[in-house]
Amino acid sequence: MSTKDAMLAKMAALKAKREDARKANTAEVAEEDRKAKLPKNFEAKKAQAEWEEAEAKAKKEAESAGLDYERVKNKKRTALDADARDRRKKKTNTDPGFSDYSAMQFRQYQRLTKQLKPDKAAYKKSKAEWGDDAASANTMAYGQHDAVSAKGLDRMVKDLEAQAEKRAKFSRRRAEYHDADISYINERNRDFNKKLDRFYGKVTQGIRDNLERGTAI
């Protein structure tokens, strides 16, 4: 092979490598763009779906063999796994407690919306008739197309009555301090005295101290 042919072969090989690199780079860019457009929790949801599928398959196989799936699963679980699961349960706090009224209202909203059972048939019909405006709360036309059905009104009334009944049964037990001074004759008077003390307690502290010293003498 002459020097010219060797150079041409080398150039052809370099061009082929460059083309392969270009294709690989294009594929990587396309893959990165695809991943960037996915929801943030896509990978977590995918892993959860794969785990649930494997769990369902293993449970079906155990039931087909006439075995108790929970016992089969516990046999494969190590002491470290059980300990880690117990620690996670202890860390998980289902009731974070009261932080502020906005958070409490949002928690109630989430609890109430979880109880809703949407009418999918009516939703599909409304969407087919009005398009995206009927399916989105981010438009000015939201809630202006369809009249509320009698069934929906009845459901709302029942839900409000259930909330009112629950509030009527609720009674928060307040802590009693037996060593505290008794300056009230009933619960209503105690609440009133607390309000007075909140606004005038500092300026009347001296008067009260003098009265207490006088009674002590």
N, C-alpha and C. Protein backbone atom coordinates (compact mmCIF):
# COMPACT_ATOMS: atom_id res chain seq x y z
N MET A 1 0.86 -1.20 0.00
CA MET A 1 0.00 0.00 0.00
C MET A 1 0.88 1.24 0.00
N SER A 2 0.55 2.17 -0.90
CA SER A 2 1.34 3.39 -1.01
C SER A 2 1.04 4.31 0.16
N THR A 3 1.90 5.33 0.27
CA THR A 3 1.71 6.30 1.37
C THR A 3 0.39 7.03 1.23
N LYS A 4 0.01 7.34 -0.02
CA LYS A 4 -1.26 8.05 -0.27
C LYS A 4 -2.45 7.20 0.16
N ASP A 5 -2.42 5.91 -0.19
CA ASP A 5 -3.52 5.03 0.18
C ASP A 5 -3.61 4.87 1.70
N ALA A 6 -2.45 4.81 2.34
CA ALA A 6 -2.44 4.70 3.80
C ALA A 6 -3.04 5.93 4.45
N MET A 7 -2.71 7.12 3.90
CA MET A 7 -3.26 8.38 4.44
C MET A 7 -4.78 8.44 4.24
N LEU A 8 -5.24 7.98 3.04
CA LEU A 8 -6.68 7.99 2.77
C LEU A 8 -7.43 7.04 3.70
N ALA A 9 -6.81 5.87 3.94
CA ALA A 9 -7.44 4.91 4.85
C ALA A 9 -7.51 5.47 6.26
N LYS A 10 -6.44 6.15 6.66
CA LYS A 10 -6.41 6.75 8.00
C LYS A 10 -7.47 7.84 8.13
N MET A 11 -7.60 8.66 7.06
CA MET A 11 -8.60 9.72 7.06
C MET A 11 -10.02 9.13 7.13
N ALA A 12 -10.24 8.04 6.39
CA ALA A 12 -11.56 7.40 6.41
C ALA A 12 -11.88 6.86 7.80
N ALA A 13 -10.86 6.28 8.45
CA ALA A 13 -11.06 5.76 9.79
C ALA A 13 -11.38 6.88 10.77
N LEU A 14 -10.69 8.01 10.64
CA LEU A 14 -10.94 9.16 11.52
C LEU A 14 -12.34 9.72 11.30
N LYS A 15 -12.76 9.79 10.03
CA LYS A 15 -14.11 10.28 9.73
C LYS A 15 -15.17 9.35 10.33
N ALA A 16 -14.91 8.04 10.26
CA ALA A 16 -15.86 7.08 10.82
C ALA A 16 -15.96 7.24 12.33
N LYS A 17 -14.82 7.44 12.99
CA LYS A 17 -14.81 7.65 14.44
C LYS A 17 -15.55 8.93 14.80
N ARG A 18 -15.31 9.99 13.99
CA ARG A 18 -15.99 11.26 14.25
C ARG A 18 -17.50 11.11 14.11
N GLU A 19 -17.94 10.36 13.10
CA GLU A 19 -19.36 10.15 12.89
C GLU A 19 -19.97 9.35 14.04
N ASP A 20 -19.23 8.33 14.49
CA ASP A 20 -19.72 7.55 15.63
C ASP A 20 -19.83 8.41 16.88
N ALA A 21 -18.83 9.28 17.10
CA ALA A 21 -18.85 10.17 18.26
C ALA A 21 -20.02 11.15 18.17
N ARG A 22 -20.29 11.65 16.94
CA ARG A 22 -21.40 12.60 16.76
C ARG A 22 -22.74 11.93 17.07
N LYS A 23 -22.90 10.68 16.58
CA LYS A 23 -24.14 9.96 16.83
C LYS A 23 -24.32 9.67 18.32
N ALA A 24 -23.22 9.25 18.97
CA ALA A 24 -23.30 8.97 20.41
C ALA A 24 -23.63 10.23 21.19
N ASN A 25 -23.03 11.36 20.81
CA ASN A 25 -23.28 12.62 21.50
C ASN A 25 -24.73 13.07 21.31
N THR A 26 -25.24 12.89 20.08
CA THR A 26 -26.63 13.25 19.80
C THR A 26 -27.59 12.40 20.62
N ALA A 27 -27.27 11.11 20.72
CA ALA A 27 -28.12 10.21 21.50
C ALA A 27 -28.11 10.58 22.98
N GLU A 28 -26.92 10.95 23.51
CA GLU A 28 -26.83 11.34 24.92
C GLU A 28 -27.59 12.63 25.19
N VAL A 29 -27.49 13.59 24.26
CA VAL A 29 -28.21 14.85 24.42
C VAL A 29 -29.73 14.60 24.40
N ALA A 30 -30.17 13.75 23.49
CA ALA A 30 -31.59 13.44 23.41
C ALA A 30 -32.07 12.74 24.68
N GLU A 31 -31.25 11.85 25.23
CA GLU A 31 -31.61 11.14 26.46
C GLU A 31 -31.67 12.10 27.65
N GLU A 32 -30.71 13.02 27.72
CA GLU A 32 -30.71 14.00 28.80
C GLU A 32 -31.93 14.91 28.70
N ASP A 33 -32.29 15.29 27.47
CA ASP A 33 -33.47 16.13 27.28
C ASP A 33 -34.74 15.38 27.68
N ARG A 34 -34.81 14.10 27.36
CA ARG A 34 -35.97 13.29 27.74
C ARG A 34 -36.09 13.19 29.25
N LYS A 35 -34.97 12.95 29.94
CA LYS A 35 -35.00 12.85 31.40
C LYS A 35 -35.35 14.18 32.04
N ALA A 36 -34.87 15.29 31.43
CA ALA A 36 -35.16 16.61 32.00
C ALA A 36 -36.65 16.94 31.92
N LYS A 37 -37.33 16.41 30.91
CA LYS A 37 -38.76 16.69 30.74
C LYS A 37 -39.64 15.80 31.61
N LEU A 38 -39.07 14.78 32.20
CA LEU A 38 -39.85 13.89 33.06
C LEU A 38 -40.14 14.55 34.40
N PRO A 39 -41.21 14.14 35.10
CA PRO A 39 -41.47 14.68 36.45
C PRO A 39 -40.31 14.38 37.39
N LYS A 40 -40.19 15.20 38.42
CA LYS A 40 -39.07 15.05 39.36
C LYS A 40 -39.10 13.70 40.08
N ASN A 41 -40.28 13.21 40.35
CA ASN A 41 -40.40 11.95 41.09
C ASN A 41 -40.65 10.76 40.18
N PHE A 42 -40.27 10.90 38.90
CA PHE A 42 -40.52 9.82 37.95
C PHE A 42 -39.76 8.55 38.32
N GLU A 43 -38.48 8.70 38.66
CA GLU A 43 -37.67 7.54 39.00
C GLU A 43 -38.19 6.84 40.26
N ALA A 44 -38.62 7.65 41.23
CA ALA A 44 -39.15 7.06 42.46
C ALA A 44 -40.45 6.31 42.18
N LYS A 45 -41.30 6.89 41.34
CA LYS A 45 -42.55 6.22 40.99
C LYS A 45 -42.30 4.94 40.20
N LYS A 46 -41.29 5.00 39.31
CA LYS A 46 -40.95 3.82 38.52
C LYS A 46 -40.45 2.69 39.43
N ALA A 47 -39.56 3.06 40.37
CA ALA A 47 -39.05 2.05 41.30
C ALA A 47 -40.17 1.49 42.16
N GLN A 48 -41.10 2.35 42.59
CA GLN A 48 -42.24 1.89 43.40
C GLN A 48 -43.13 0.94 42.60
N ALA A 49 -43.36 1.28 41.33
CA ALA A 49 -44.20 0.42 40.49
C ALA A 49 -43.53 -0.94 40.26
N GLU A 50 -42.21 -0.93 40.04
CA GLU A 50 -41.50 -2.19 39.84
C GLU A 50 -41.53 -3.05 41.11
N TRP A 51 -41.40 -2.39 42.28
CA TRP A 51 -41.45 -3.12 43.55
C TRP A 51 -42.84 -3.71 43.77
N GLU A 52 -43.88 -2.93 43.49
CA GLU A 52 -45.24 -3.43 43.67
C GLU A 52 -45.53 -4.60 42.73
N GLU A 53 -45.01 -4.52 41.50
CA GLU A 53 -45.21 -5.60 40.54
C GLU A 53 -44.52 -6.88 41.02
N ALA A 54 -43.28 -6.74 41.50
CA ALA A 54 -42.56 -7.90 42.03
C ALA A 54 -43.24 -8.46 43.26
N GLU A 55 -43.75 -7.57 44.11
CA GLU A 55 -44.45 -7.99 45.33
C GLU A 55 -45.72 -8.78 44.98
N ALA A 56 -46.48 -8.27 44.00
CA ALA A 56 -47.71 -8.94 43.60
C ALA A 56 -47.40 -10.31 42.98
N LYS A 57 -46.32 -10.38 42.19
CA LYS A 57 -45.94 -11.65 41.56
C LYS A 57 -45.54 -12.68 42.61
N ALA A 58 -44.71 -12.25 43.59
CA ALA A 58 -44.28 -13.17 44.64
C ALA A 58 -45.47 -13.64 45.49
N LYS A 59 -46.40 -12.73 45.76
CA LYS A 59 -47.58 -13.10 46.56
C LYS A 59 -48.44 -14.11 45.81
N LYS A 60 -48.59 -13.91 44.51
CA LYS A 60 -49.38 -14.83 43.70
C LYS A 60 -48.74 -16.21 43.67
N GLU A 61 -47.41 -16.25 43.53
CA GLU A 61 -46.71 -17.53 43.51
C GLU A 61 -46.85 -18.26 44.85
N ALA A 62 -46.77 -17.50 45.96
CA ALA A 62 -46.91 -18.12 47.28
C ALA A 62 -48.32 -18.68 47.48
N GLU A 63 -49.32 -17.91 47.05
CA GLU A 63 -50.70 -18.37 47.20
C GLU A 63 -50.96 -19.60 46.33
N SER A 64 -50.35 -19.63 45.13
CA SER A 64 -50.51 -20.79 44.25
C SER A 64 -49.91 -22.05 44.87
N ALA A 65 -48.82 -21.85 45.64
CA ALA A 65 -48.18 -22.99 46.30
C ALA A 65 -48.83 -23.33 47.64
N GLY A 66 -49.87 -22.58 48.01
CA GLY A 66 -50.57 -22.84 49.27
C GLY A 66 -49.80 -22.36 50.49
N LEU A 67 -48.95 -21.33 50.32
CA LEU A 67 -48.14 -20.82 51.42
C LEU A 67 -48.65 -19.46 51.88
N ASP A 68 -48.34 -19.13 53.11
CA ASP A 68 -48.66 -17.81 53.66
C ASP A 68 -47.57 -16.84 53.22
N TYR A 69 -47.96 -15.86 52.43
CA TYR A 69 -46.96 -14.97 51.84
C TYR A 69 -46.21 -14.16 52.90
N GLU A 70 -46.92 -13.74 53.95
CA GLU A 70 -46.27 -12.94 54.99
C GLU A 70 -45.18 -13.76 55.69
N ARG A 71 -45.44 -15.02 55.92
CA ARG A 71 -44.44 -15.88 56.56
C ARG A 71 -43.25 -16.11 55.63
N VAL A 72 -43.53 -16.29 54.34
CA VAL A 72 -42.45 -16.47 53.37
C VAL A 72 -41.58 -15.21 53.30
N LYS A 73 -42.23 -14.07 53.32
CA LYS A 73 -41.49 -12.80 53.24
C LYS A 73 -40.67 -12.56 54.50
N ASN A 74 -41.23 -12.90 55.65
CA ASN A 74 -40.51 -12.68 56.91
C ASN A 74 -39.30 -13.60 57.05
N LYS A 75 -39.37 -14.78 56.40
CA LYS A 75 -38.22 -15.68 56.46
C LYS A 75 -37.01 -15.09 55.74
N LYS A 76 -37.26 -14.30 54.72
CA LYS A 76 -36.17 -13.69 53.96
C LYS A 76 -35.66 -12.40 54.59
N ARG A 77 -36.40 -11.90 55.57
CA ARG A 77 -36.02 -10.63 56.19
C ARG A 77 -35.02 -10.89 57.32
N THR A 78 -33.92 -10.15 57.29
CA THR A 78 -32.89 -10.30 58.32
C THR A 78 -33.24 -9.46 59.53
N ALA A 79 -32.47 -9.68 60.60
CA ALA A 79 -32.67 -8.91 61.83
C ALA A 79 -32.36 -7.43 61.60
N LEU A 80 -31.38 -7.16 60.74
CA LEU A 80 -31.03 -5.76 60.43
C LEU A 80 -32.17 -5.08 59.70
N ASP A 81 -32.81 -5.81 58.76
CA ASP A 81 -33.94 -5.24 58.04
C ASP A 81 -35.09 -4.93 58.99
N ALA A 82 -35.37 -5.85 59.91
CA ALA A 82 -36.45 -5.64 60.87
C ALA A 82 -36.16 -4.45 61.78
N ASP A 83 -34.90 -4.32 62.20
CA ASP A 83 -34.52 -3.21 63.06
C ASP A 83 -34.64 -1.88 62.32
N ALA A 84 -34.21 -1.87 61.06
CA ALA A 84 -34.31 -0.64 60.27
C ALA A 84 -35.77 -0.26 60.05
N ARG A 85 -36.62 -1.26 59.83
CA ARG A 85 -38.05 -0.98 59.64
C ARG A 85 -38.67 -0.40 60.91
N ASP A 86 -38.29 -0.94 62.06
CA ASP A 86 -38.81 -0.42 63.32
C ASP A 86 -38.36 1.02 63.56
N ARG A 87 -37.12 1.31 63.20
CA ARG A 87 -36.62 2.69 63.37
C ARG A 87 -37.37 3.66 62.47
N ARG A 88 -37.67 3.21 61.25
CA ARG A 88 -38.41 4.08 60.33
C ARG A 88 -39.82 4.34 60.86
N LYS A 89 -40.42 3.32 61.45
CA LYS A 89 -41.77 3.50 62.00
C LYS A 89 -41.76 4.49 63.15
N LYS A 90 -40.72 4.43 63.98
CA LYS A 90 -40.64 5.35 65.12
C LYS A 90 -40.42 6.78 64.66
N LYS A 91 -39.65 6.95 63.57
CA LYS A 91 -39.39 8.30 63.07
C LYS A 91 -40.60 8.88 62.37
N THR A 92 -41.44 8.01 61.81
CA THR A 92 -42.61 8.49 61.07
C THR A 92 -43.66 8.99 62.04
N ASN A 93 -43.98 10.27 61.92
CA ASN A 93 -45.00 10.88 62.78
C ASN A 93 -46.20 11.24 61.92
N THR A 94 -47.27 10.48 62.04
CA THR A 94 -48.43 10.73 61.21
C THR A 94 -49.17 12.00 61.61
N ASP A 95 -48.99 12.44 62.85
CA ASP A 95 -49.66 13.66 63.31
C ASP A 95 -48.60 14.65 63.76
N PRO A 96 -48.23 15.61 62.92
CA PRO A 96 -47.18 16.57 63.30
C PRO A 96 -47.62 17.54 64.38
N GLY A 97 -48.91 17.56 64.71
CA GLY A 97 -49.38 18.47 65.74
C GLY A 97 -49.67 19.85 65.19
N PHE A 98 -50.07 20.73 66.08
CA PHE A 98 -50.45 22.08 65.67
C PHE A 98 -49.22 22.95 65.51
N SER A 99 -49.10 23.61 64.34
CA SER A 99 -48.02 24.57 64.12
C SER A 99 -48.60 25.97 63.93
N ASP A 100 -49.55 26.11 63.03
CA ASP A 100 -50.28 27.36 62.85
C ASP A 100 -51.62 27.05 62.18
N TYR A 101 -52.48 28.05 62.11
CA TYR A 101 -53.82 27.81 61.59
C TYR A 101 -53.81 27.54 60.09
N SER A 102 -52.87 28.12 59.36
CA SER A 102 -52.79 27.87 57.92
C SER A 102 -52.45 26.41 57.65
N ALA A 103 -51.47 25.88 58.39
CA ALA A 103 -51.08 24.48 58.21
C ALA A 103 -52.23 23.56 58.62
N MET A 104 -52.94 23.91 59.68
CA MET A 104 -54.07 23.09 60.13
C MET A 104 -55.18 23.08 59.08
N GLN A 105 -55.43 24.25 58.46
CA GLN A 105 -56.45 24.33 57.44
C GLN A 105 -56.06 23.52 56.20
N PHE A 106 -54.77 23.57 55.85
CA PHE A 106 -54.30 22.82 54.70
C PHE A 106 -54.39 21.32 54.95
N ARG A 107 -54.07 20.87 56.17
CA ARG A 107 -54.20 19.46 56.52
C ARG A 107 -55.66 19.00 56.44
N GLN A 108 -56.58 19.85 56.88
CA GLN A 108 -57.99 19.50 56.79
C GLN A 108 -58.43 19.42 55.33
N TYR A 109 -57.92 20.34 54.51
CA TYR A 109 -58.25 20.32 53.08
C TYR A 109 -57.77 19.02 52.44
N GLN A 110 -56.55 18.60 52.76
CA GLN A 110 -56.04 17.34 52.21
C GLN A 110 -56.86 16.15 52.68
N ARG A 111 -57.25 16.15 53.96
CA ARG A 111 -58.05 15.04 54.48
C ARG A 111 -59.41 14.97 53.81
N LEU A 112 -60.03 16.12 53.58
CA LEU A 112 -61.35 16.13 52.97
C LEU A 112 -61.30 15.76 51.49
N THR A 113 -60.27 16.22 50.78
CA THR A 113 -60.18 15.89 49.36
C THR A 113 -59.88 14.42 49.13
N LYS A 114 -59.19 13.78 50.08
CA LYS A 114 -58.93 12.34 49.94
C LYS A 114 -60.22 11.54 50.02
N GLN A 115 -61.23 12.09 50.70
CA GLN A 115 -62.49 11.37 50.85
C GLN A 115 -63.40 11.52 49.64
N LEU A 116 -63.07 12.45 48.75
CA LEU A 116 -63.92 12.70 47.59
C LEU A 116 -63.85 11.54 46.60
N LYS A 117 -64.99 11.20 46.03
CA LYS A 117 -65.05 10.19 44.98
C LYS A 117 -65.57 10.86 43.71
N PRO A 118 -64.65 11.26 42.82
CA PRO A 118 -65.07 12.01 41.63
C PRO A 118 -65.92 11.18 40.69
N ASP A 119 -66.82 11.86 40.00
CA ASP A 119 -67.65 11.24 38.97
C ASP A 119 -66.90 11.31 37.65
N LYS A 120 -66.20 10.23 37.31
CA LYS A 120 -65.34 10.24 36.13
C LYS A 120 -66.14 10.37 34.84
N ALA A 121 -67.32 9.78 34.81
CA ALA A 121 -68.14 9.88 33.61
C ALA A 121 -68.55 11.32 33.33
N ALA A 122 -68.97 12.03 34.40
CA ALA A 122 -69.36 13.44 34.23
C ALA A 122 -68.14 14.29 33.87
N TYR A 123 -66.99 13.95 34.44
CA TYR A 123 -65.77 14.70 34.13
C TYR A 123 -65.39 14.55 32.66
N LYS A 124 -65.45 13.32 32.14
CA LYS A 124 -65.10 13.08 30.74
C LYS A 124 -66.09 13.79 29.81
N LYS A 125 -67.36 13.78 30.18
CA LYS A 125 -68.36 14.45 29.37
C LYS A 125 -68.12 15.96 29.34
N SER A 126 -67.81 16.53 30.50
CA SER A 126 -67.54 17.97 30.57
C SER A 126 -66.28 18.34 29.81
N LYS A 127 -65.26 17.51 29.91
CA LYS A 127 -64.02 17.79 29.20
C LYS A 127 -64.20 17.72 27.70
N ALA A 128 -64.99 16.73 27.25
CA ALA A 128 -65.24 16.60 25.82
C ALA A 128 -66.03 17.78 25.29
N GLU A 129 -66.89 18.35 26.14
CA GLU A 129 -67.73 19.46 25.70
C GLU A 129 -67.01 20.79 25.74
N TRP A 130 -66.21 21.02 26.82
CA TRP A 130 -65.61 22.34 27.02
C TRP A 130 -64.11 22.35 26.79
N GLY A 131 -63.49 21.22 26.62
CA GLY A 131 -62.05 21.20 26.37
C GLY A 131 -61.25 21.36 27.65
N ASP A 132 -60.06 21.95 27.52
CA ASP A 132 -59.15 22.08 28.67
C ASP A 132 -59.69 23.02 29.74
N ASP A 133 -60.57 23.98 29.36
CA ASP A 133 -61.08 24.93 30.35
C ASP A 133 -61.85 24.22 31.45
N ALA A 134 -62.53 23.14 31.10
CA ALA A 134 -63.32 22.42 32.10
C ALA A 134 -62.47 21.54 32.99
N ALA A 135 -61.21 21.30 32.61
CA ALA A 135 -60.36 20.38 33.36
C ALA A 135 -59.26 21.07 34.12
N SER A 136 -59.20 22.38 34.08
CA SER A 136 -58.11 23.10 34.72
C SER A 136 -58.64 24.19 35.62
N ALA A 137 -58.03 24.32 36.79
CA ALA A 137 -58.42 25.38 37.72
C ALA A 137 -57.59 26.63 37.50
N ASN A 138 -56.73 26.64 36.49
CA ASN A 138 -55.84 27.77 36.24
C ASN A 138 -56.38 28.69 35.15
N THR A 139 -57.66 28.61 34.87
CA THR A 139 -58.25 29.47 33.85
C THR A 139 -59.38 30.28 34.47
N MET A 140 -59.69 31.39 33.83
CA MET A 140 -60.76 32.26 34.33
C MET A 140 -62.14 31.62 34.15
N ALA A 141 -62.23 30.64 33.25
CA ALA A 141 -63.52 30.01 32.96
C ALA A 141 -63.82 28.85 33.88
N TYR A 142 -62.94 28.58 34.84
CA TYR A 142 -63.13 27.41 35.71
C TYR A 142 -64.41 27.54 36.52
N GLY A 143 -65.23 26.50 36.50
CA GLY A 143 -66.45 26.47 37.30
C GLY A 143 -67.61 27.25 36.74
N GLN A 144 -67.51 27.76 35.50
CA GLN A 144 -68.57 28.59 34.93
C GLN A 144 -69.37 27.87 33.86
N HIS A 145 -68.98 26.67 33.51
CA HIS A 145 -69.65 25.98 32.41
C HIS A 145 -70.85 25.17 32.87
N ASP A 146 -70.63 24.29 33.83
CA ASP A 146 -71.66 23.34 34.22
C ASP A 146 -72.30 23.73 35.55
N ALA A 147 -73.62 23.58 35.61
CA ALA A 147 -74.32 23.81 36.88
C ALA A 147 -74.06 22.63 37.82
N VAL A 148 -74.04 22.91 39.11
CA VAL A 148 -73.80 21.86 40.09
C VAL A 148 -75.01 20.95 40.14
N SER A 149 -74.77 19.66 40.08
CA SER A 149 -75.87 18.70 40.08
C SER A 149 -76.48 18.59 41.47
N ALA A 150 -77.73 18.10 41.49
CA ALA A 150 -78.40 17.89 42.78
C ALA A 150 -77.66 16.84 43.61
N LYS A 151 -77.09 15.87 42.94
CA LYS A 151 -76.32 14.84 43.63
C LYS A 151 -75.09 15.45 44.29
N GLY A 152 -74.43 16.37 43.58
CA GLY A 152 -73.25 17.03 44.14
C GLY A 152 -73.61 17.91 45.32
N LEU A 153 -74.76 18.61 45.23
CA LEU A 153 -75.20 19.46 46.35
C LEU A 153 -75.52 18.61 47.58
N ASP A 154 -76.19 17.49 47.36
CA ASP A 154 -76.50 16.60 48.49
C ASP A 154 -75.22 16.08 49.14
N ARG A 155 -74.24 15.76 48.34
CA ARG A 155 -72.97 15.26 48.88
C ARG A 155 -72.28 16.35 49.70
N MET A 156 -72.34 17.59 49.20
CA MET A 156 -71.72 18.69 49.94
C MET A 156 -72.44 18.93 51.27
N VAL A 157 -73.78 18.89 51.25
CA VAL A 157 -74.55 19.11 52.47
C VAL A 157 -74.24 18.03 53.50
N LYS A 158 -74.18 16.78 53.06
CA LYS A 158 -73.87 15.67 53.98
C LYS A 158 -72.48 15.83 54.57
N ASP A 159 -71.54 16.27 53.74
CA ASP A 159 -70.18 16.44 54.23
C ASP A 159 -70.11 17.57 55.25
N LEU A 160 -70.80 18.68 55.00
CA LEU A 160 -70.81 19.80 55.95
C LEU A 160 -71.50 19.40 57.25
N GLU A 161 -72.59 18.64 57.15
CA GLU A 161 -73.27 18.18 58.36
C GLU A 161 -72.38 17.24 59.17
N ALA A 162 -71.61 16.39 58.48
CA ALA A 162 -70.70 15.49 59.19
C ALA A 162 -69.60 16.27 59.90
N GLN A 163 -69.09 17.33 59.25
CA GLN A 163 -68.06 18.16 59.88
C GLN A 163 -68.62 18.89 61.10
N ALA A 164 -69.85 19.41 60.96
CA ALA A 164 -70.47 20.12 62.09
C ALA A 164 -70.70 19.18 63.26
N GLU A 165 -71.13 17.95 62.96
CA GLU A 165 -71.36 16.96 64.02
C GLU A 165 -70.06 16.58 64.71
N LYS A 166 -68.99 16.47 63.93
CA LYS A 166 -67.70 16.13 64.51
C LYS A 166 -67.19 17.26 65.40
N ARG A 167 -67.36 18.51 64.96
CA ARG A 167 -66.93 19.65 65.78
C ARG A 167 -67.75 19.74 67.06
N ALA A 168 -69.03 19.39 66.99
CA ALA A 168 -69.88 19.48 68.18
C ALA A 168 -69.46 18.45 69.24
N LYS A 169 -68.96 17.31 68.79
CA LYS A 169 -68.52 16.26 69.73
C LYS A 169 -67.13 16.52 70.27
N PHE A 170 -66.37 17.39 69.59
CA PHE A 170 -64.98 17.61 69.99
C PHE A 170 -64.93 18.48 71.24
N SER A 171 -64.12 18.07 72.19
CA SER A 171 -63.91 18.84 73.40
C SER A 171 -62.47 18.70 73.83
N ARG A 172 -61.77 19.81 73.82
CA ARG A 172 -60.36 19.77 74.21
C ARG A 172 -60.24 19.90 75.72
N ARG A 173 -59.64 18.94 76.32
CA ARG A 173 -59.47 18.95 77.77
C ARG A 173 -58.25 19.78 78.13
N ARG A 174 -58.47 20.83 78.87
CA ARG A 174 -57.38 21.73 79.25
C ARG A 174 -56.75 21.26 80.56
N ALA A 175 -55.46 21.52 80.67
CA ALA A 175 -54.72 21.09 81.86
C ALA A 175 -55.13 21.92 83.06
N GLU A 176 -55.28 21.28 84.19
CA GLU A 176 -55.64 21.96 85.43
C GLU A 176 -54.40 22.04 86.33
N TYR A 177 -54.15 23.22 86.89
CA TYR A 177 -53.03 23.43 87.79
C TYR A 177 -53.61 23.71 89.18
N HIS A 178 -53.50 22.71 90.03
CA HIS A 178 -54.14 22.81 91.34
C HIS A 178 -53.47 23.84 92.23
N ASP A 179 -52.19 24.15 91.99
CA ASP A 179 -51.49 25.13 92.83
C ASP A 179 -51.72 26.57 92.36
N ALA A 180 -52.39 26.75 91.24
CA ALA A 180 -52.62 28.10 90.73
C ALA A 180 -53.68 28.81 91.57
N ASP A 181 -53.60 30.16 91.57
CA ASP A 181 -54.56 30.96 92.32
C ASP A 181 -55.94 30.86 91.67
N ILE A 182 -56.95 30.69 92.49
CA ILE A 182 -58.33 30.62 92.00
C ILE A 182 -58.92 32.02 92.06
N SER A 183 -59.14 32.63 90.91
CA SER A 183 -59.68 33.99 90.85
C SER A 183 -60.96 34.02 90.03
N TYR A 184 -61.64 32.89 89.92
CA TYR A 184 -62.83 32.82 89.06
C TYR A 184 -63.88 31.98 89.76
N ILE A 185 -65.10 32.15 89.29
CA ILE A 185 -66.21 31.40 89.88
C ILE A 185 -66.77 30.34 88.92
N ASN A 186 -66.42 30.45 87.62
CA ASN A 186 -66.83 29.45 86.64
C ASN A 186 -65.89 29.53 85.43
N GLU A 187 -66.13 28.67 84.46
CA GLU A 187 -65.24 28.63 83.31
C GLU A 187 -65.28 29.92 82.50
N ARG A 188 -66.44 30.49 82.34
CA ARG A 188 -66.54 31.73 81.57
C ARG A 188 -65.81 32.87 82.27
N ASN A 189 -65.93 32.91 83.60
CA ASN A 189 -65.24 33.95 84.36
C ASN A 189 -63.72 33.75 84.30
N ARG A 190 -63.28 32.50 84.29
CA ARG A 190 -61.84 32.22 84.19
C ARG A 190 -61.27 32.72 82.86
N ASP A 191 -62.00 32.46 81.75
CA ASP A 191 -61.55 32.95 80.45
C ASP A 191 -61.50 34.48 80.42
N PHE A 192 -62.50 35.11 81.05
CA PHE A 192 -62.52 36.58 81.09
C PHE A 192 -61.34 37.12 81.89
N ASN A 193 -61.05 36.48 83.02
CA ASN A 193 -59.92 36.92 83.84
C ASN A 193 -58.58 36.74 83.11
N LYS A 194 -58.48 35.70 82.31
CA LYS A 194 -57.26 35.50 81.53
C LYS A 194 -57.06 36.63 80.53
N LYS A 195 -58.14 37.05 79.89
CA LYS A 195 -58.05 38.17 78.94
C LYS A 195 -57.64 39.45 79.65
N LEU A 196 -58.22 39.69 80.83
CA LEU A 196 -57.84 40.87 81.60
C LEU A 196 -56.37 40.83 81.97
N ASP A 197 -55.91 39.66 82.43
CA ASP A 197 -54.51 39.52 82.84
C ASP A 197 -53.56 39.69 81.67
N ARG A 198 -54.00 39.28 80.48
CA ARG A 198 -53.15 39.41 79.30
C ARG A 198 -52.89 40.88 78.97
N PHE A 199 -53.88 41.74 79.17
CA PHE A 199 -53.73 43.15 78.81
C PHE A 199 -53.30 44.03 79.98
N TYR A 200 -53.76 43.71 81.20
CA TYR A 200 -53.52 44.59 82.34
C TYR A 200 -52.72 43.93 83.46
N GLY A 201 -52.25 42.71 83.23
CA GLY A 201 -51.56 42.00 84.30
C GLY A 201 -50.29 42.69 84.77
N LYS A 202 -49.53 43.24 83.84
CA LYS A 202 -48.25 43.86 84.21
C LYS A 202 -48.46 45.12 85.03
N VAL A 203 -49.45 45.93 84.66
CA VAL A 203 -49.65 47.21 85.35
C VAL A 203 -50.37 47.05 86.68
N THR A 204 -51.06 45.93 86.87
CA THR A 204 -51.78 45.71 88.13
C THR A 204 -51.06 44.74 89.06
N GLN A 205 -49.85 44.31 88.67
CA GLN A 205 -49.13 43.34 89.49
C GLN A 205 -48.80 43.91 90.86
N GLY A 206 -48.40 45.18 90.89
CA GLY A 206 -48.06 45.81 92.17
C GLY A 206 -49.26 45.89 93.11
N ILE A 207 -50.42 46.23 92.58
CA ILE A 207 -51.63 46.31 93.39
C ILE A 207 -51.97 44.94 93.98
N ARG A 208 -51.87 43.92 93.16
CA ARG A 208 -52.18 42.58 93.64
C ARG A 208 -51.20 42.11 94.70
N ASP A 209 -49.91 42.46 94.51
CA ASP A 209 -48.92 42.10 95.52
C ASP A 209 -49.21 42.78 96.85
N ASN A 210 -49.59 44.06 96.79
CA ASN A 210 -49.91 44.77 98.02
C ASN A 210 -51.12 44.18 98.73
N LEU A 211 -52.12 43.79 97.93
CA LEU A 211 -53.31 43.17 98.53
C LEU A 211 -52.96 41.83 99.19
N GLU A 212 -52.11 41.06 98.53
CA GLU A 212 -51.71 39.77 99.10
C GLU A 212 -50.89 39.95 100.37
N ARG A 213 -50.03 40.97 100.38
CA ARG A 213 -49.25 41.22 101.60
C ARG A 213 -50.16 41.66 102.74
N GLY A 214 -51.17 42.45 102.39
CA GLY A 214 -52.10 42.91 103.42
C GLY A 214 -52.91 41.77 104.00
N THR A 215 -53.34 40.87 103.19
CA THR A 215 -54.11 39.72 103.69
C THR A 215 -53.23 38.81 104.49
N ALA A 216 -51.92 38.74 104.14
CA ALA A 216 -51.02 37.88 104.90
C ALA A 216 -50.78 38.40 106.29
N ILE A 217 -50.77 39.73 106.46
CA ILE A 217 -50.59 40.33 107.78
C ILE A 217 -51.85 40.12 108.62
